[in-house]
PDB file of N, CA and C in Angstrom:
ATOM      1  N   MET A   1       2.893   5.623 -12.959  1.00  0.00           N
ATOM      2  CA  MET A   1       3.038   4.741 -14.091  1.00  0.00           C
ATOM      3  C   MET A   1       3.805   3.495 -13.665  1.00  0.00           C
ATOM      4  N   GLU A   2       3.206   2.347 -13.879  1.00  0.00           N
ATOM      5  CA  GLU A   2       3.821   1.087 -13.472  1.00  0.00           C
ATOM      6  C   GLU A   2       4.746   0.574 -14.572  1.00  0.00           C
ATOM      7  N   THR A   3       5.943   0.151 -14.172  1.00  0.00           N
ATOM      8  CA  THR A   3       6.889  -0.440 -15.104  1.00  0.00           C
ATOM      9  C   THR A   3       6.956  -1.929 -14.842  1.00  0.00           C
ATOM     10  N   HIS A   4       6.818  -2.722 -15.891  1.00  0.00           N
ATOM     11  CA  HIS A   4       6.921  -4.161 -15.740  1.00  0.00           C
ATOM     12  C   HIS A   4       8.377  -4.558 -15.572  1.00  0.00           C
ATOM     13  N   TRP A   5       8.610  -5.679 -14.855  1.00  0.00           N
ATOM     14  CA  TRP A   5       9.985  -6.073 -14.594  1.00  0.00           C
ATOM     15  C   TRP A   5      10.733  -6.399 -15.865  1.00  0.00           C
ATOM     16  N   TRP A   6      10.047  -6.873 -16.901  1.00  0.00           N
ATOM     17  CA  TRP A   6      10.758  -7.244 -18.129  1.00  0.00           C
ATOM     18  C   TRP A   6      11.155  -6.018 -18.958  1.00  0.00           C
ATOM     19  N   ASP A   7      10.644  -4.834 -18.602  1.00  0.00           N
ATOM     20  CA  ASP A   7      11.040  -3.603 -19.288  1.00  0.00           C
ATOM     21  C   ASP A   7      12.279  -2.969 -18.665  1.00  0.00           C
ATOM     22  N   SER A   8      12.701  -3.450 -17.520  1.00  0.00           N
ATOM     23  CA  SER A   8      13.828  -2.859 -16.817  1.00  0.00           C
ATOM     24  C   SER A   8      15.153  -3.313 -17.422  1.00  0.00           C
ATOM     25  N   PRO A   9      16.081  -2.389 -17.656  1.00  0.00           N
ATOM     26  CA  PRO A   9      17.396  -2.784 -18.186  1.00  0.00           C
ATOM     27  C   PRO A   9      18.240  -3.503 -17.140  1.00  0.00           C
ATOM     28  N   PHE A  10      17.805  -3.485 -15.869  1.00  0.00           N
ATOM     29  CA  PHE A  10      18.583  -4.108 -14.803  1.00  0.00           C
ATOM     30  C   PHE A  10      18.167  -5.548 -14.532  1.00  0.00           C
ATOM     31  N   GLU A  11      17.139  -6.023 -15.199  1.00  0.00           N
ATOM     32  CA  GLU A  11      16.677  -7.391 -14.993  1.00  0.00           C
ATOM     33  C   GLU A  11      17.230  -8.292 -16.093  1.00  0.00           C
ATOM     34  N   ARG A  12      17.378  -9.571 -15.787  1.00  0.00           N
ATOM     35  CA  ARG A  12      17.830 -10.538 -16.780  1.00  0.00           C
ATOM     36  C   ARG A  12      16.731 -10.764 -17.797  1.00  0.00           C
ATOM     37  N   ARG A  13      17.093 -11.250 -18.944  1.00  0.00           N
ATOM     38  CA  ARG A  13      16.127 -11.485 -20.006  1.00  0.00           C
ATOM     39  C   ARG A  13      15.821 -12.959 -20.215  1.00  0.00           C
ATOM     40  N   SER A  14      16.422 -13.851 -19.410  1.00  0.00           N
ATOM     41  CA  SER A  14      16.154 -15.275 -19.590  1.00  0.00           C
ATOM     42  C   SER A  14      16.370 -16.029 -18.285  1.00  0.00           C
ATOM     43  N   ILE A  15      15.692 -17.153 -18.183  1.00  0.00           N
ATOM     44  CA  ILE A  15      15.906 -18.086 -17.082  1.00  0.00           C
ATOM     45  C   ILE A  15      16.845 -19.157 -17.605  1.00  0.00           C
ATOM     46  N   GLN A  16      17.867 -19.512 -16.827  1.00  0.00           N
ATOM     47  CA  GLN A  16      18.845 -20.483 -17.276  1.00  0.00           C
ATOM     48  C   GLN A  16      18.985 -21.622 -16.276  1.00  0.00           C
ATOM     49  N   HIS A  17      19.442 -22.761 -16.782  1.00  0.00           N
ATOM     50  CA  HIS A  17      19.693 -23.943 -15.965  1.00  0.00           C
ATOM     51  C   HIS A  17      20.622 -23.593 -14.804  1.00  0.00           C
ATOM     52  N   ALA A  18      20.339 -24.129 -13.629  1.00  0.00           N
ATOM     53  CA  ALA A  18      21.152 -23.998 -12.412  1.00  0.00           C
ATOM     54  C   ALA A  18      21.021 -22.645 -11.713  1.00  0.00           C
ATOM     55  N   MET A  19      20.142 -21.764 -12.168  1.00  0.00           N
ATOM     56  CA  MET A  19      19.910 -20.517 -11.446  1.00  0.00           C
ATOM     57  C   MET A  19      19.178 -20.825 -10.142  1.00  0.00           C
ATOM     58  N   LYS A  20      19.404 -20.020  -9.131  1.00  0.00           N
ATOM     59  CA  LYS A  20      18.707 -20.201  -7.864  1.00  0.00           C
ATOM     60  C   LYS A  20      17.248 -19.761  -8.021  1.00  0.00           C
ATOM     61  N   VAL A  21      16.355 -20.509  -7.387  1.00  0.00           N
ATOM     62  CA  VAL A  21      14.938 -20.153  -7.338  1.00  0.00           C
ATOM     63  C   VAL A  21      14.680 -19.634  -5.932  1.00  0.00           C
ATOM     64  N   ARG A  22      14.134 -18.424  -5.836  1.00  0.00           N
ATOM     65  CA  ARG A  22      13.910 -17.780  -4.539  1.00  0.00           C
ATOM     66  C   ARG A  22      12.443 -17.415  -4.379  1.00  0.00           C
ATOM     67  N   ASP A  23      11.965 -17.415  -3.131  1.00  0.00           N
ATOM     68  CA  ASP A  23      10.599 -16.955  -2.894  1.00  0.00           C
ATOM     69  C   ASP A  23      10.601 -15.426  -2.854  1.00  0.00           C
ATOM     70  N   GLU A  24       9.445 -14.827  -2.605  1.00  0.00           N
ATOM     71  CA  GLU A  24       9.364 -13.364  -2.659  1.00  0.00           C
ATOM     72  C   GLU A  24      10.163 -12.690  -1.552  1.00  0.00           C
ATOM     73  N   ASP A  25      10.523 -13.429  -0.490  1.00  0.00           N
ATOM     74  CA  ASP A  25      11.354 -12.877   0.580  1.00  0.00           C
ATOM     75  C   ASP A  25      12.845 -13.042   0.307  1.00  0.00           C
ATOM     76  N   GLY A  26      13.203 -13.759  -0.751  1.00  0.00           N
ATOM     77  CA  GLY A  26      14.603 -13.967  -1.098  1.00  0.00           C
ATOM     78  C   GLY A  26      15.191 -15.268  -0.580  1.00  0.00           C
ATOM     79  N   THR A  27      14.394 -16.092   0.091  1.00  0.00           N
ATOM     80  CA  THR A  27      14.875 -17.384   0.587  1.00  0.00           C
ATOM     81  C   THR A  27      15.076 -18.340  -0.578  1.00  0.00           C
ATOM     82  N   VAL A  28      16.218 -19.017  -0.614  1.00  0.00           N
ATOM     83  CA  VAL A  28      16.519 -19.945  -1.701  1.00  0.00           C
ATOM     84  C   VAL A  28      15.683 -21.206  -1.529  1.00  0.00           C
ATOM     85  N   LEU A  29      14.913 -21.539  -2.576  1.00  0.00           N
ATOM     86  CA  LEU A  29      14.094 -22.746  -2.568  1.00  0.00           C
ATOM     87  C   LEU A  29      14.816 -23.919  -3.216  1.00  0.00           C
ATOM     88  N   GLY A  30      15.658 -23.635  -4.195  1.00  0.00           N
ATOM     89  CA  GLY A  30      16.377 -24.683  -4.924  1.00  0.00           C
ATOM     90  C   GLY A  30      17.026 -24.097  -6.159  1.00  0.00           C
ATOM     91  N   ARG A  31      17.311 -24.965  -7.136  1.00  0.00           N
ATOM     92  CA  ARG A  31      17.935 -24.536  -8.393  1.00  0.00           C
ATOM     93  C   ARG A  31      17.139 -25.039  -9.582  1.00  0.00           C
ATOM     94  N   VAL A  32      17.193 -24.283 -10.665  1.00  0.00           N
ATOM     95  CA  VAL A  32      16.488 -24.641 -11.897  1.00  0.00           C
ATOM     96  C   VAL A  32      17.136 -25.892 -12.484  1.00  0.00           C
ATOM     97  N   ALA A  33      16.317 -26.903 -12.749  1.00  0.00           N
ATOM     98  CA  ALA A  33      16.800 -28.143 -13.350  1.00  0.00           C
ATOM     99  C   ALA A  33      16.459 -28.199 -14.837  1.00  0.00           C
ATOM    100  N   GLY A  34      15.482 -27.435 -15.265  1.00  0.00           N
ATOM    101  CA  GLY A  34      15.063 -27.395 -16.660  1.00  0.00           C
ATOM    102  C   GLY A  34      13.871 -26.474 -16.787  1.00  0.00           C
ATOM    103  N   ILE A  35      13.586 -26.042 -17.999  1.00  0.00           N
ATOM    104  CA  ILE A  35      12.487 -25.124 -18.236  1.00  0.00           C
ATOM    105  C   ILE A  35      11.592 -25.718 -19.309  1.00  0.00           C
ATOM    106  N   GLY A  36      10.313 -25.825 -19.013  1.00  0.00           N
ATOM    107  CA  GLY A  36       9.341 -26.310 -19.982  1.00  0.00           C
ATOM    108  C   GLY A  36       8.609 -25.149 -20.624  1.00  0.00           C
ATOM    109  N   GLN A  37       7.531 -25.452 -21.334  1.00  0.00           N
ATOM    110  CA  GLN A  37       6.761 -24.403 -21.994  1.00  0.00           C
ATOM    111  C   GLN A  37       5.907 -23.625 -21.004  1.00  0.00           C
ATOM    112  N   THR A  38       5.441 -24.276 -19.942  1.00  0.00           N
ATOM    113  CA  THR A  38       4.555 -23.613 -18.988  1.00  0.00           C
ATOM    114  C   THR A  38       5.082 -23.638 -17.563  1.00  0.00           C
ATOM    115  N   VAL A  39       6.087 -24.453 -17.290  1.00  0.00           N
ATOM    116  CA  VAL A  39       6.638 -24.553 -15.938  1.00  0.00           C
ATOM    117  C   VAL A  39       8.158 -24.580 -15.979  1.00  0.00           C
ATOM    118  N   LEU A  40       8.764 -24.242 -14.848  1.00  0.00           N
ATOM    119  CA  LEU A  40      10.189 -24.497 -14.710  1.00  0.00           C
ATOM    120  C   LEU A  40      10.329 -25.602 -13.666  1.00  0.00           C
ATOM    121  N   PHE A  41      11.274 -26.485 -13.903  1.00  0.00           N
ATOM    122  CA  PHE A  41      11.507 -27.593 -13.002  1.00  0.00           C
ATOM    123  C   PHE A  41      12.668 -27.233 -12.098  1.00  0.00           C
ATOM    124  N   MET A  42      12.525 -27.505 -10.825  1.00  0.00           N
ATOM    125  CA  MET A  42      13.588 -27.186  -9.876  1.00  0.00           C
ATOM    126  C   MET A  42      13.800 -28.339  -8.917  1.00  0.00           C
ATOM    127  N   ARG A  43      15.003 -28.376  -8.360  1.00  0.00           N
ATOM    128  CA  ARG A  43      15.351 -29.348  -7.325  1.00  0.00           C
ATOM    129  C   ARG A  43      15.661 -28.582  -6.054  1.00  0.00           C
ATOM    130  N   LYS A  44      15.112 -29.092  -4.943  1.00  0.00           N
ATOM    131  CA  LYS A  44      15.478 -28.542  -3.646  1.00  0.00           C
ATOM    132  C   LYS A  44      16.901 -28.973  -3.329  1.00  0.00           C
ATOM    133  N   ARG A  45      17.540 -28.248  -2.458  1.00  0.00           N
ATOM    134  CA  ARG A  45      18.910 -28.552  -2.078  1.00  0.00           C
ATOM    135  C   ARG A  45      18.990 -29.951  -1.463  1.00  0.00           C
ATOM    136  N   PHE A  46      19.977 -30.720  -1.850  1.00  0.00           N
ATOM    137  CA  PHE A  46      20.235 -32.075  -1.369  1.00  0.00           C
ATOM    138  C   PHE A  46      19.085 -33.039  -1.678  1.00  0.00           C
ATOM    139  N   SER A  47      18.359 -32.804  -2.752  1.00  0.00           N
ATOM    140  CA  SER A  47      17.257 -33.684  -3.123  1.00  0.00           C
ATOM    141  C   SER A  47      17.333 -33.984  -4.609  1.00  0.00           C
ATOM    142  N   ARG A  48      16.917 -35.173  -4.996  1.00  0.00           N
ATOM    143  CA  ARG A  48      16.865 -35.528  -6.408  1.00  0.00           C
ATOM    144  C   ARG A  48      15.466 -35.343  -6.964  1.00  0.00           C
ATOM    145  N   GLN A  49      14.501 -35.089  -6.085  1.00  0.00           N
ATOM    146  CA  GLN A  49      13.115 -34.951  -6.501  1.00  0.00           C
ATOM    147  C   GLN A  49      12.893 -33.623  -7.228  1.00  0.00           C
ATOM    148  N   LEU A  50      12.200 -33.703  -8.357  1.00  0.00           N
ATOM    149  CA  LEU A  50      11.874 -32.499  -9.123  1.00  0.00           C
ATOM    150  C   LEU A  50      10.560 -31.899  -8.635  1.00  0.00           C
ATOM    151  N   TRP A  51      10.466 -30.584  -8.711  1.00  0.00           N
ATOM    152  CA  TRP A  51       9.250 -29.843  -8.415  1.00  0.00           C
ATOM    153  C   TRP A  51       8.963 -28.932  -9.593  1.00  0.00           C
ATOM    154  N   ALA A  52       7.717 -28.584  -9.787  1.00  0.00           N
ATOM    155  CA  ALA A  52       7.316 -27.699 -10.881  1.00  0.00           C
ATOM    156  C   ALA A  52       6.887 -26.348 -10.316  1.00  0.00           C
ATOM    157  N   VAL A  53       7.299 -25.293 -10.993  1.00  0.00           N
ATOM    158  CA  VAL A  53       6.860 -23.938 -10.663  1.00  0.00           C
ATOM    159  C   VAL A  53       6.270 -23.356 -11.939  1.00  0.00           C
ATOM    160  N   PRO A  54       4.964 -23.058 -11.967  1.00  0.00           N
ATOM    161  CA  PRO A  54       4.381 -22.468 -13.173  1.00  0.00           C
ATOM    162  C   PRO A  54       5.071 -21.146 -13.522  1.00  0.00           C
ATOM    163  N   LEU A  55       5.318 -20.933 -14.813  1.00  0.00           N
ATOM    164  CA  LEU A  55       5.979 -19.688 -15.233  1.00  0.00           C
ATOM    165  C   LEU A  55       5.141 -18.466 -14.880  1.00  0.00           C
ATOM    166  N   SER A  56       3.828 -18.654 -14.683  1.00  0.00           N
ATOM    167  CA  SER A  56       2.982 -17.529 -14.284  1.00  0.00           C
ATOM    168  C   SER A  56       3.315 -17.052 -12.869  1.00  0.00           C
ATOM    169  N   HIS A  57       4.020 -17.863 -12.073  1.00  0.00           N
ATOM    170  CA  HIS A  57       4.410 -17.480 -10.715  1.00  0.00           C
ATOM    171  C   HIS A  57       5.742 -16.739 -10.684  1.00  0.00           C
ATOM    172  N   VAL A  58       6.443 -16.674 -11.806  1.00  0.00           N
ATOM    173  CA  VAL A  58       7.723 -15.960 -11.847  1.00  0.00           C
ATOM    174  C   VAL A  58       7.443 -14.464 -11.793  1.00  0.00           C
ATOM    175  N   GLU A  59       8.010 -13.812 -10.780  1.00  0.00           N
ATOM    176  CA  GLU A  59       7.800 -12.375 -10.610  1.00  0.00           C
ATOM    177  C   GLU A  59       8.906 -11.546 -11.248  1.00  0.00           C
ATOM    178  N   ARG A  60      10.143 -11.997 -11.078  1.00  0.00           N
ATOM    179  CA  ARG A  60      11.265 -11.283 -11.700  1.00  0.00           C
ATOM    180  C   ARG A  60      12.466 -12.215 -11.773  1.00  0.00           C
ATOM    181  N   VAL A  61      13.387 -11.851 -12.637  1.00  0.00           N
ATOM    182  CA  VAL A  61      14.609 -12.633 -12.819  1.00  0.00           C
ATOM    183  C   VAL A  61      15.771 -11.654 -12.743  1.00  0.00           C
ATOM    184  N   THR A  62      16.678 -11.892 -11.806  1.00  0.00           N
ATOM    185  CA  THR A  62      17.832 -11.011 -11.640  1.00  0.00           C
ATOM    186  C   THR A  62      19.098 -11.847 -11.686  1.00  0.00           C
ATOM    187  N   GLY A  63      20.219 -11.213 -11.462  1.00  0.00           N
ATOM    188  CA  GLY A  63      21.480 -11.928 -11.383  1.00  0.00           C
ATOM    189  C   GLY A  63      21.548 -12.846 -10.174  1.00  0.00           C
ATOM    190  N   GLU A  64      20.680 -12.607  -9.178  1.00  0.00           N
ATOM    191  CA  GLU A  64      20.652 -13.441  -7.976  1.00  0.00           C
ATOM    192  C   GLU A  64      19.765 -14.659  -8.129  1.00  0.00           C
ATOM    193  N   GLY A  65      18.930 -14.693  -9.150  1.00  0.00           N
ATOM    194  CA  GLY A  65      18.084 -15.855  -9.363  1.00  0.00           C
ATOM    195  C   GLY A  65      16.698 -15.512  -9.857  1.00  0.00           C
ATOM    196  N   VAL A  66      15.843 -16.528  -9.838  1.00  0.00           N
ATOM    197  CA  VAL A  66      14.461 -16.417 -10.283  1.00  0.00           C
ATOM    198  C   VAL A  66      13.600 -16.228  -9.040  1.00  0.00           C
ATOM    199  N   TYR A  67      12.867 -15.139  -8.969  1.00  0.00           N
ATOM    200  CA  TYR A  67      11.986 -14.867  -7.838  1.00  0.00           C
ATOM    201  C   TYR A  67      10.566 -15.281  -8.207  1.00  0.00           C
ATOM    202  N   VAL A  68       9.950 -16.097  -7.338  1.00  0.00           N
ATOM    203  CA  VAL A  68       8.594 -16.576  -7.585  1.00  0.00           C
ATOM    204  C   VAL A  68       7.663 -16.031  -6.514  1.00  0.00           C
ATOM    205  N   SER A  69       6.374 -15.950  -6.855  1.00  0.00           N
ATOM    206  CA  SER A  69       5.395 -15.438  -5.908  1.00  0.00           C
ATOM    207  C   SER A  69       5.150 -16.447  -4.797  1.00  0.00           C
ATOM    208  N   GLY A  70       4.760 -15.954  -3.665  1.00  0.00           N
ATOM    209  CA  GLY A  70       4.467 -16.822  -2.522  1.00  0.00           C
ATOM    210  C   GLY A  70       5.643 -16.927  -1.578  1.00  0.00           C
ATOM    211  N   LYS A  71       5.334 -17.362  -0.383  1.00  0.00           N
ATOM    212  CA  LYS A  71       6.372 -17.527   0.633  1.00  0.00           C
ATOM    213  C   LYS A  71       6.681 -18.998   0.808  1.00  0.00           C
ATOM    214  N   ALA A  72       7.899 -19.264   1.211  1.00  0.00           N
ATOM    215  CA  ALA A  72       8.387 -20.631   1.421  1.00  0.00           C
ATOM    216  C   ALA A  72       8.176 -21.444   0.149  1.00  0.00           C
ATOM    217  N   PHE A  73       7.487 -22.548   0.227  1.00  0.00           N
ATOM    218  CA  PHE A  73       7.347 -23.429  -0.929  1.00  0.00           C
ATOM    219  C   PHE A  73       5.939 -23.358  -1.505  1.00  0.00           C
ATOM    220  N   GLY A  74       5.263 -22.210  -1.360  1.00  0.00           N
ATOM    221  CA  GLY A  74       3.890 -22.051  -1.827  1.00  0.00           C
ATOM    222  C   GLY A  74       3.718 -22.141  -3.329  1.00  0.00           C
ATOM    223  N   ALA A  75       4.726 -21.786  -4.109  1.00  0.00           N
ATOM    224  CA  ALA A  75       4.613 -21.804  -5.572  1.00  0.00           C
ATOM    225  C   ALA A  75       4.938 -23.165  -6.167  1.00  0.00           C
ATOM    226  N   LEU A  76       5.465 -24.084  -5.361  1.00  0.00           N
ATOM    227  CA  LEU A  76       5.877 -25.387  -5.876  1.00  0.00           C
ATOM    228  C   LEU A  76       4.692 -26.326  -6.013  1.00  0.00           C
ATOM    229  N   GLU A  77       4.734 -27.117  -7.076  1.00  0.00           N
ATOM    230  CA  GLU A  77       3.707 -28.127  -7.333  1.00  0.00           C
ATOM    231  C   GLU A  77       4.408 -29.438  -7.662  1.00  0.00           C
ATOM    232  N   PRO A  78       3.767 -30.574  -7.396  1.00  0.00           N
ATOM    233  CA  PRO A  78       4.357 -31.848  -7.817  1.00  0.00           C
ATOM    234  C   PRO A  78       4.488 -31.899  -9.345  1.00  0.00           C
ATOM    235  N   VAL A  79       5.502 -32.562  -9.831  1.00  0.00           N
ATOM    236  CA  VAL A  79       5.755 -32.613 -11.269  1.00  0.00           C
ATOM    237  C   VAL A  79       4.683 -33.427 -11.991  1.00  0.00           C
ATOM    238  N   GLY A  80       4.298 -34.558 -11.429  1.00  0.00           N
ATOM    239  CA  GLY A  80       3.320 -35.417 -12.092  1.00  0.00           C
ATOM    240  C   GLY A  80       3.841 -35.904 -13.433  1.00  0.00           C
ATOM    241  N   ASP A  81       3.031 -35.820 -14.481  1.00  0.00           N
ATOM    242  CA  ASP A  81       3.460 -36.280 -15.804  1.00  0.00           C
ATOM    243  C   ASP A  81       3.951 -35.129 -16.681  1.00  0.00           C
ATOM    244  N   ARG A  82       4.178 -33.967 -16.099  1.00  0.00           N
ATOM    245  CA  ARG A  82       4.626 -32.794 -16.886  1.00  0.00           C
ATOM    246  C   ARG A  82       5.975 -33.017 -17.544  1.00  0.00           C
ATOM    247  N   LEU A  83       6.828 -33.796 -16.919  1.00  0.00           N
ATOM    248  CA  LEU A  83       8.160 -34.024 -17.492  1.00  0.00           C
ATOM    249  C   LEU A  83       8.059 -34.745 -18.827  1.00  0.00           C
ATOM    250  N   ARG A  84       7.032 -35.564 -19.007  1.00  0.00           N
ATOM    251  CA  ARG A  84       6.847 -36.259 -20.277  1.00  0.00           C
ATOM    252  C   ARG A  84       6.119 -35.400 -21.301  1.00  0.00           C
ATOM    253  N   THR A  85       5.308 -34.447 -20.867  1.00  0.00           N
ATOM    254  CA  THR A  85       4.489 -33.675 -21.800  1.00  0.00           C
ATOM    255  C   THR A  85       5.104 -32.327 -22.176  1.00  0.00           C
ATOM    256  N   GLU A  86       6.036 -31.826 -21.400  1.00  0.00           N
ATOM    257  CA  GLU A  86       6.663 -30.530 -21.677  1.00  0.00           C
ATOM    258  C   GLU A  86       7.899 -30.709 -22.552  1.00  0.00           C
ATOM    259  N   VAL A  87       8.177 -29.734 -23.389  1.00  0.00           N
ATOM    260  CA  VAL A  87       9.436 -29.685 -24.127  1.00  0.00           C
ATOM    261  C   VAL A  87      10.424 -28.958 -23.221  1.00  0.00           C
ATOM    262  N   VAL A  88      11.417 -29.679 -22.721  1.00  0.00           N
ATOM    263  CA  VAL A  88      12.329 -29.144 -21.717  1.00  0.00           C
ATOM    264  C   VAL A  88      13.576 -28.585 -22.382  1.00  0.00           C
ATOM    265  N   THR A  89      13.965 -27.374 -21.965  1.00  0.00           N
ATOM    266  CA  THR A  89      15.172 -26.723 -22.476  1.00  0.00           C
ATOM    267  C   THR A  89      16.028 -26.275 -21.297  1.00  0.00           C
ATOM    268  N   ALA A  90      17.219 -25.771 -21.580  1.00  0.00           N
ATOM    269  CA  ALA A  90      18.107 -25.269 -20.537  1.00  0.00           C
ATOM    270  C   ALA A  90      18.004 -23.762 -20.391  1.00  0.00           C
ATOM    271  N   ILE A  91      17.474 -23.074 -21.412  1.00  0.00           N
ATOM    272  CA  ILE A  91      17.331 -21.616 -21.379  1.00  0.00           C
ATOM    273  C   ILE A  91      15.934 -21.262 -21.850  1.00  0.00           C
ATOM    274  N   HIS A  92      15.296 -20.335 -21.149  1.00  0.00           N
ATOM    275  CA  HIS A  92      13.964 -19.877 -21.535  1.00  0.00           C
ATOM    276  C   HIS A  92      14.002 -18.360 -21.687  1.00  0.00           C
ATOM    277  N   PRO A  93      13.975 -17.848 -22.915  1.00  0.00           N
ATOM    278  CA  PRO A  93      13.957 -16.381 -23.065  1.00  0.00           C
ATOM    279  C   PRO A  93      12.605 -15.837 -22.637  1.00  0.00           C
ATOM    280  N   LEU A  94      12.607 -14.840 -21.776  1.00  0.00           N
ATOM    281  CA  LEU A  94      11.361 -14.271 -21.281  1.00  0.00           C
ATOM    282  C   LEU A  94      10.849 -13.160 -22.178  1.00  0.00           C
ATOM    283  N   THR A  95      11.736 -12.423 -22.780  1.00  0.00           N
ATOM    284  CA  THR A  95      11.323 -11.342 -23.666  1.00  0.00           C
ATOM    285  C   THR A  95      12.227 -11.311 -24.881  1.00  0.00           C
ATOM    286  N   GLU A  96      11.699 -10.833 -25.945  1.00  0.00           N
ATOM    287  CA  GLU A  96      12.503 -10.642 -27.146  1.00  0.00           C
ATOM    288  C   GLU A  96      13.292  -9.335 -26.987  1.00  0.00           C
ATOM    289  N   PRO A  97      14.499  -9.262 -27.555  1.00  0.00           N
ATOM    290  CA  PRO A  97      15.221  -7.993 -27.490  1.00  0.00           C
ATOM    291  C   PRO A  97      14.444  -6.921 -28.252  1.00  0.00           C
ATOM    292  N   PRO A  98      14.553  -5.675 -27.816  1.00  0.00           N
ATOM    293  CA  PRO A  98      13.826  -4.612 -28.503  1.00  0.00           C
ATOM    294  C   PRO A  98      14.231  -4.504 -29.968  1.00  0.00           C
ATOM    295  N   HIS A  99      13.259  -4.284 -30.829  1.00  0.00           N
ATOM    296  CA  HIS A  99      13.522  -4.167 -32.254  1.00  0.00           C
ATOM    297  C   HIS A  99      14.049  -2.760 -32.562  1.00  0.00           C
ATOM    298  N   GLU A 100      15.216  -2.723 -33.159  1.00  0.00           N
ATOM    299  CA  GLU A 100      15.826  -1.445 -33.547  1.00  0.00           C
ATOM    300  C   GLU A 100      15.503  -1.187 -35.019  1.00  0.00           C
ATOM    301  N   PRO A 101      14.767  -0.124 -35.332  1.00  0.00           N
ATOM    302  CA  PRO A 101      14.496   0.159 -36.748  1.00  0.00           C
ATOM    303  C   PRO A 101      15.784   0.516 -37.497  1.00  0.00           C
ATOM    304  N   SER A 102      15.906   0.000 -38.695  1.00  0.00           N
ATOM    305  CA  SER A 102      17.127   0.237 -39.489  1.00  0.00           C
ATOM    306  C   SER A 102      17.071   1.542 -40.212  1.00  0.00           C
TER     307      SER A 102
END
């Protein structure tokens, strides 16, 4: 039986500003600069340039950061005009808390 990462009590429930973005091997790619509706924006270390990572590439979120699929910078895409078209926030909830019946 497969358990999804968002069902685990040990995984974080949201992506937040300034979290580390890591590839599937754990290498740090950069930090979260903002979260849109379909992508998260990140900056590489010592760079002002923004990059986009589609939320569909997010594999898991832990206390160590956001893990994305692919090795090295394979999940990164140029931002293009997404910064103008996305609603950018500092926190992106990935799952709703479980509903407790009263």
